[in-house]
Amino acid sequence: MSRIGVQPIILPDGVSLAREGRMLTLNGAGGQLSLNLPEGVDVSQKENTLQVTRQSEQREHRALHGTVRSLLANIVTGITEGFTKKLELIGIGYRASIEDGQLILLVGFTHPVKMTIPEGLEVRIEKNVIIITGIDRQRVGQFAAVVREVRPPEPYKGKGIRYEGEKVRMKQGKAVKAGA
């Protein structure tokens, strides 16, 4: 039995569920998100809770049980509270700015790196911290990963773009020979 899949999802006040075939649509204060239910998994609603069940004990259905429950829980959290990722710019002269719906990064290249901010995401910059917020956890995390990939932290000086609280393992530099 899936330990994650059997846990009920509590729908807070202000969140409504609409079902059209295998498509579930949840509406809340933050917006609206949809999930296409895969075959073999079903969702039932009792008052203010959702329960995910599987139709059989097939391996694929067991695997999808917990996944669908987690996706639904993330949708509920997203439309009520939203998701946030923070990225730190570490390095001398590393800066970020926003112009015309584009995130512009100055991170040690000879040219600025311009990235279009995806629809549904909000990006703010406070000093050397890029704050990405949105209701869809996957889109927030994906855009944060794409931004980080521009200049990932390097292991010798730690310069680059890193997630807030990310630990970068530092390496020792080359040892200098004596009496050269």
C-alpha atoms as a PDB file:
ATOM      1  CA  MET A   1       0.000   0.000   0.000  1.00  0.00           C
ATOM      2  CA  SER A   2       1.303   3.440  -0.878  1.00  0.00           C
ATOM      3  CA  ARG A   3       2.081   5.373   2.289  1.00  0.00           C
ATOM      4  CA  ILE A   4       1.790   8.717   0.531  1.00  0.00           C
ATOM      5  CA  GLY A   5      -1.163   7.830  -1.691  1.00  0.00           C
ATOM      6  CA  VAL A   6      -3.502   6.825   1.141  1.00  0.00           C
ATOM      7  CA  GLN A   7      -3.193  10.159   2.978  1.00  0.00           C
ATOM      8  CA  PRO A   8      -6.216  12.390   2.371  1.00  0.00           C
ATOM      9  CA  ILE A   9      -5.811  15.886   0.912  1.00  0.00           C
ATOM     10  CA  ILE A  10      -7.657  18.556   2.882  1.00  0.00           C
ATOM     11  CA  LEU A  11      -9.247  21.275   0.760  1.00  0.00           C
ATOM     12  CA  PRO A  12      -9.092  24.620   2.603  1.00  0.00           C
ATOM     13  CA  ASP A  13     -11.965  27.114   2.465  1.00  0.00           C
ATOM     14  CA  GLY A  14     -12.118  28.896  -0.870  1.00  0.00           C
ATOM     15  CA  VAL A  15     -10.802  25.947  -2.904  1.00  0.00           C
ATOM     16  CA  SER A  16     -13.253  24.278  -5.271  1.00  0.00           C
ATOM     17  CA  LEU A  17     -12.902  21.169  -7.424  1.00  0.00           C
ATOM     18  CA  ALA A  18     -14.432  20.798 -10.885  1.00  0.00           C
ATOM     19  CA  ARG A  19     -14.296  17.488 -12.716  1.00  0.00           C
ATOM     20  CA  GLU A  20     -14.712  16.975 -16.449  1.00  0.00           C
ATOM     21  CA  GLY A  21     -13.974  13.393 -17.483  1.00  0.00           C
ATOM     22  CA  ARG A  22     -10.406  12.599 -16.384  1.00  0.00           C
ATOM     23  CA  MET A  23      -9.530  16.311 -16.006  1.00  0.00           C
ATOM     24  CA  LEU A  24      -9.553  17.800 -12.499  1.00  0.00           C
ATOM     25  CA  THR A  25      -9.559  21.595 -12.158  1.00  0.00           C
ATOM     26  CA  LEU A  26      -8.968  23.265  -8.805  1.00  0.00           C
ATOM     27  CA  ASN A  27      -9.807  26.942  -8.251  1.00  0.00           C
ATOM     28  CA  GLY A  28      -8.558  29.030  -5.359  1.00  0.00           C
ATOM     29  CA  ALA A  29      -7.506  32.500  -4.303  1.00  0.00           C
ATOM     30  CA  GLY A  30      -4.191  32.221  -6.177  1.00  0.00           C
ATOM     31  CA  GLY A  31      -5.653  31.028  -9.460  1.00  0.00           C
ATOM     32  CA  GLN A  32      -6.623  27.843 -11.265  1.00  0.00           C
ATOM     33  CA  LEU A  33      -4.632  24.689 -12.021  1.00  0.00           C
ATOM     34  CA  SER A  34      -5.631  21.460 -13.768  1.00  0.00           C
ATOM     35  CA  LEU A  35      -4.454  17.866 -13.586  1.00  0.00           C
ATOM     36  CA  ASN A  36      -5.183  15.146 -16.135  1.00  0.00           C
ATOM     37  CA  LEU A  37      -5.763  11.930 -14.178  1.00  0.00           C
ATOM     38  CA  PRO A  38      -3.891   8.946 -15.635  1.00  0.00           C
ATOM     39  CA  GLU A  39      -5.694   5.641 -16.172  1.00  0.00           C
ATOM     40  CA  GLY A  40      -5.749   3.382 -13.132  1.00  0.00           C
ATOM     41  CA  VAL A  41      -6.064   6.156 -10.544  1.00  0.00           C
ATOM     42  CA  ASP A  42      -9.268   7.800  -9.342  1.00  0.00           C
ATOM     43  CA  VAL A  43     -10.098  10.691  -7.000  1.00  0.00           C
ATOM     44  CA  SER A  44     -13.147  10.928  -4.748  1.00  0.00           C
ATOM     45  CA  GLN A  45     -14.317  13.954  -2.771  1.00  0.00           C
ATOM     46  CA  LYS A  46     -16.007  13.791   0.626  1.00  0.00           C
ATOM     47  CA  GLU A  47     -16.915  17.217   2.017  1.00  0.00           C
ATOM     48  CA  ASN A  48     -13.572  19.056   2.206  1.00  0.00           C
ATOM     49  CA  THR A  49     -11.183  16.127   1.619  1.00  0.00           C
ATOM     50  CA  LEU A  50      -9.898  14.391  -1.490  1.00  0.00           C
ATOM     51  CA  GLN A  51      -8.953  10.717  -1.474  1.00  0.00           C
ATOM     52  CA  VAL A  52      -6.825   9.147  -4.219  1.00  0.00           C
ATOM     53  CA  THR A  53      -7.494   5.461  -4.941  1.00  0.00           C
ATOM     54  CA  ARG A  54      -6.086   3.030  -7.474  1.00  0.00           C
ATOM     55  CA  GLN A  55      -8.148   0.609  -9.510  1.00  0.00           C
ATOM     56  CA  SER A  56      -5.828  -2.396  -9.250  1.00  0.00           C
ATOM     57  CA  GLU A  57      -2.565  -3.618  -7.766  1.00  0.00           C
ATOM     58  CA  GLN A  58      -0.677  -3.451 -11.074  1.00  0.00           C
ATOM     59  CA  ARG A  59       2.834  -2.083 -10.753  1.00  0.00           C
ATOM     60  CA  GLU A  60       2.058   0.990 -12.883  1.00  0.00           C
ATOM     61  CA  HIS A  61      -1.072   1.829 -10.866  1.00  0.00           C
ATOM     62  CA  ARG A  62       0.825   1.467  -7.579  1.00  0.00           C
ATOM     63  CA  ALA A  63       3.524   3.820  -8.882  1.00  0.00           C
ATOM     64  CA  LEU A  64       0.986   6.435 -10.007  1.00  0.00           C
ATOM     65  CA  HIS A  65      -0.989   6.332  -6.740  1.00  0.00           C
ATOM     66  CA  GLY A  66       1.463   8.360  -4.638  1.00  0.00           C
ATOM     67  CA  THR A  67       2.526  10.528  -7.579  1.00  0.00           C
ATOM     68  CA  VAL A  68      -1.015  11.726  -8.323  1.00  0.00           C
ATOM     69  CA  ARG A  69      -1.653  12.388  -4.630  1.00  0.00           C
ATOM     70  CA  SER A  70       1.531  14.506  -4.404  1.00  0.00           C
ATOM     71  CA  LEU A  71       0.652  16.432  -7.575  1.00  0.00           C
ATOM     72  CA  LEU A  72      -2.827  17.206  -6.203  1.00  0.00           C
ATOM     73  CA  ALA A  73      -1.395  18.276  -2.829  1.00  0.00           C
ATOM     74  CA  ASN A  74       1.050  20.594  -4.645  1.00  0.00           C
ATOM     75  CA  ILE A  75      -1.814  22.114  -6.657  1.00  0.00           C
ATOM     76  CA  VAL A  76      -3.818  22.787  -3.476  1.00  0.00           C
ATOM     77  CA  THR A  77      -0.780  24.372  -1.789  1.00  0.00           C
ATOM     78  CA  GLY A  78      -0.002  26.402  -4.912  1.00  0.00           C
ATOM     79  CA  ILE A  79      -3.444  27.951  -5.317  1.00  0.00           C
ATOM     80  CA  THR A  80      -3.700  28.776  -1.607  1.00  0.00           C
ATOM     81  CA  GLU A  81      -0.166  29.829  -0.604  1.00  0.00           C
ATOM     82  CA  GLY A  82       1.982  29.720  -3.755  1.00  0.00           C
ATOM     83  CA  PHE A  83       5.583  28.553  -4.124  1.00  0.00           C
ATOM     84  CA  THR A  84       8.818  30.527  -3.858  1.00  0.00           C
ATOM     85  CA  LYS A  85      12.410  29.791  -4.855  1.00  0.00           C
ATOM     86  CA  LYS A  86      15.279  32.101  -3.959  1.00  0.00           C
ATOM     87  CA  LEU A  87      18.557  32.195  -5.869  1.00  0.00           C
ATOM     88  CA  GLU A  88      21.671  33.966  -4.584  1.00  0.00           C
ATOM     89  CA  LEU A  89      24.177  35.668  -6.902  1.00  0.00           C
ATOM     90  CA  ILE A  90      27.645  35.254  -5.421  1.00  0.00           C
ATOM     91  CA  GLY A  91      30.596  36.898  -7.142  1.00  0.00           C
ATOM     92  CA  ILE A  92      32.099  40.341  -7.615  1.00  0.00           C
ATOM     93  CA  GLY A  93      30.073  42.324 -10.148  1.00  0.00           C
ATOM     94  CA  TYR A  94      27.337  39.685 -10.431  1.00  0.00           C
ATOM     95  CA  ARG A  95      23.996  41.464 -10.836  1.00  0.00           C
ATOM     96  CA  ALA A  96      20.484  40.836 -12.044  1.00  0.00           C
ATOM     97  CA  SER A  97      17.743  43.133 -13.315  1.00  0.00           C
ATOM     98  CA  ILE A  98      14.318  42.908 -14.931  1.00  0.00           C
ATOM     99  CA  GLU A  99      13.412  44.774 -18.136  1.00  0.00           C
ATOM    100  CA  ASP A 100      10.378  44.261 -20.395  1.00  0.00           C
ATOM    101  CA  GLY A 101       9.465  40.847 -18.967  1.00  0.00           C
ATOM    102  CA  GLN A 102      13.032  39.576 -19.232  1.00  0.00           C
ATOM    103  CA  LEU A 103      15.480  38.625 -16.508  1.00  0.00           C
ATOM    104  CA  ILE A 104      18.908  40.047 -17.357  1.00  0.00           C
ATOM    105  CA  LEU A 105      21.906  38.429 -15.667  1.00  0.00           C
ATOM    106  CA  LEU A 106      25.399  39.922 -15.543  1.00  0.00           C
ATOM    107  CA  VAL A 107      27.404  36.974 -14.236  1.00  0.00           C
ATOM    108  CA  GLY A 108      30.930  37.273 -15.578  1.00  0.00           C
ATOM    109  CA  PHE A 109      30.317  36.718 -19.282  1.00  0.00           C
ATOM    110  CA  THR A 110      31.247  39.323 -21.900  1.00  0.00           C
ATOM    111  CA  HIS A 111      27.530  39.775 -22.624  1.00  0.00           C
ATOM    112  CA  PRO A 112      24.392  39.983 -20.496  1.00  0.00           C
ATOM    113  CA  VAL A 113      22.308  36.786 -20.392  1.00  0.00           C
ATOM    114  CA  LYS A 114      18.647  37.522 -21.182  1.00  0.00           C
ATOM    115  CA  MET A 115      15.915  35.088 -20.172  1.00  0.00           C
ATOM    116  CA  THR A 116      12.200  35.480 -20.839  1.00  0.00           C
ATOM    117  CA  ILE A 117      10.164  35.112 -17.646  1.00  0.00           C
ATOM    118  CA  PRO A 118       7.510  32.393 -18.203  1.00  0.00           C
ATOM    119  CA  GLU A 119       3.854  33.348 -17.992  1.00  0.00           C
ATOM    120  CA  GLY A 120       2.347  32.778 -14.555  1.00  0.00           C
ATOM    121  CA  LEU A 121       5.608  33.416 -12.693  1.00  0.00           C
ATOM    122  CA  GLU A 122       6.628  36.556 -10.852  1.00  0.00           C
ATOM    123  CA  VAL A 123      10.311  37.452 -10.464  1.00  0.00           C
ATOM    124  CA  ARG A 124      11.643  40.044  -8.010  1.00  0.00           C
ATOM    125  CA  ILE A 125      15.196  41.086  -7.248  1.00  0.00           C
ATOM    126  CA  GLU A 126      16.381  42.201  -3.817  1.00  0.00           C
ATOM    127  CA  LYS A 127      20.095  43.078  -3.734  1.00  0.00           C
ATOM    128  CA  ASN A 128      21.815  39.869  -4.911  1.00  0.00           C
ATOM    129  CA  VAL A 129      18.806  37.573  -4.465  1.00  0.00           C
ATOM    130  CA  ILE A 130      16.426  36.546  -7.262  1.00  0.00           C
ATOM    131  CA  ILE A 131      12.984  35.599  -5.890  1.00  0.00           C
ATOM    132  CA  ILE A 132      10.781  33.465  -8.172  1.00  0.00           C
ATOM    133  CA  THR A 133       7.138  32.969  -7.121  1.00  0.00           C
ATOM    134  CA  GLY A 134       4.153  31.258  -8.734  1.00  0.00           C
ATOM    135  CA  ILE A 135       1.301  28.838  -8.147  1.00  0.00           C
ATOM    136  CA  ASP A 136       2.719  25.916 -10.164  1.00  0.00           C
ATOM    137  CA  ARG A 137       5.523  24.200  -8.247  1.00  0.00           C
ATOM    138  CA  GLN A 138       6.954  22.521 -11.345  1.00  0.00           C
ATOM    139  CA  ARG A 139       7.205  25.772 -13.331  1.00  0.00           C
ATOM    140  CA  VAL A 140       8.764  27.676 -10.404  1.00  0.00           C
ATOM    141  CA  GLY A 141      11.361  24.944  -9.843  1.00  0.00           C
ATOM    142  CA  GLN A 142      12.088  24.522 -13.554  1.00  0.00           C
ATOM    143  CA  PHE A 143      12.684  28.243 -14.138  1.00  0.00           C
ATOM    144  CA  ALA A 144      14.879  28.426 -11.015  1.00  0.00           C
ATOM    145  CA  ALA A 145      16.929  25.478 -12.338  1.00  0.00           C
ATOM    146  CA  VAL A 146      17.306  27.140 -15.763  1.00  0.00           C
ATOM    147  CA  VAL A 147      18.498  30.384 -14.141  1.00  0.00           C
ATOM    148  CA  ARG A 148      20.953  28.493 -11.901  1.00  0.00           C
ATOM    149  CA  GLU A 149      22.315  26.600 -14.918  1.00  0.00           C
ATOM    150  CA  VAL A 150      23.544  29.872 -16.476  1.00  0.00           C
ATOM    151  CA  ARG A 151      26.376  30.016 -13.913  1.00  0.00           C
ATOM    152  CA  PRO A 152      26.290  27.145 -11.384  1.00  0.00           C
ATOM    153  CA  PRO A 153      28.489  27.582  -8.292  1.00  0.00           C
ATOM    154  CA  GLU A 154      32.077  26.601  -8.967  1.00  0.00           C
ATOM    155  CA  PRO A 155      33.913  24.555  -6.317  1.00  0.00           C
ATOM    156  CA  TYR A 156      37.087  26.650  -5.902  1.00  0.00           C
ATOM    157  CA  LYS A 157      35.782  30.088  -4.953  1.00  0.00           C
ATOM    158  CA  GLY A 158      32.052  29.344  -4.720  1.00  0.00           C
ATOM    159  CA  LYS A 159      31.126  32.001  -7.286  1.00  0.00           C
ATOM    160  CA  GLY A 160      27.947  31.552  -9.274  1.00  0.00           C
ATOM    161  CA  ILE A 161      24.188  31.291  -8.862  1.00  0.00           C
ATOM    162  CA  ARG A 162      22.992  29.014  -6.066  1.00  0.00           C
ATOM    163  CA  TYR A 163      19.754  28.215  -4.287  1.00  0.00           C
ATOM    164  CA  GLU A 164      19.270  29.912  -0.944  1.00  0.00           C
ATOM    165  CA  GLY A 165      20.780  27.669   1.723  1.00  0.00           C
ATOM    166  CA  GLU A 166      22.573  25.436  -0.824  1.00  0.00           C
ATOM    167  CA  LYS A 167      25.887  24.104   0.457  1.00  0.00           C
ATOM    168  CA  VAL A 168      28.686  24.112  -2.113  1.00  0.00           C
ATOM    169  CA  ARG A 169      31.543  21.706  -1.434  1.00  0.00           C
ATOM    170  CA  MET A 170      34.753  23.638  -1.802  1.00  0.00           C
ATOM    171  CA  LYS A 171      37.906  22.086  -3.246  1.00  0.00           C
ATOM    172  CA  GLN A 172      41.486  22.790  -2.306  1.00  0.00           C
ATOM    173  CA  GLY A 173      43.456  24.798  -4.862  1.00  0.00           C
ATOM    174  CA  LYS A 174      46.729  23.564  -6.360  1.00  0.00           C
ATOM    175  CA  ALA A 175      49.611  23.300  -3.922  1.00  0.00           C
ATOM    176  CA  VAL A 176      52.549  25.578  -4.746  1.00  0.00           C
ATOM    177  CA  LYS A 177      55.910  23.794  -5.181  1.00  0.00           C
ATOM    178  CA  ALA A 178      58.676  24.962  -2.870  1.00  0.00           C
ATOM    179  CA  GLY A 179      62.037  26.021  -4.388  1.00  0.00           C
ATOM    180  CA  ALA A 180      60.949  26.320  -8.000  1.00  0.00           C
END
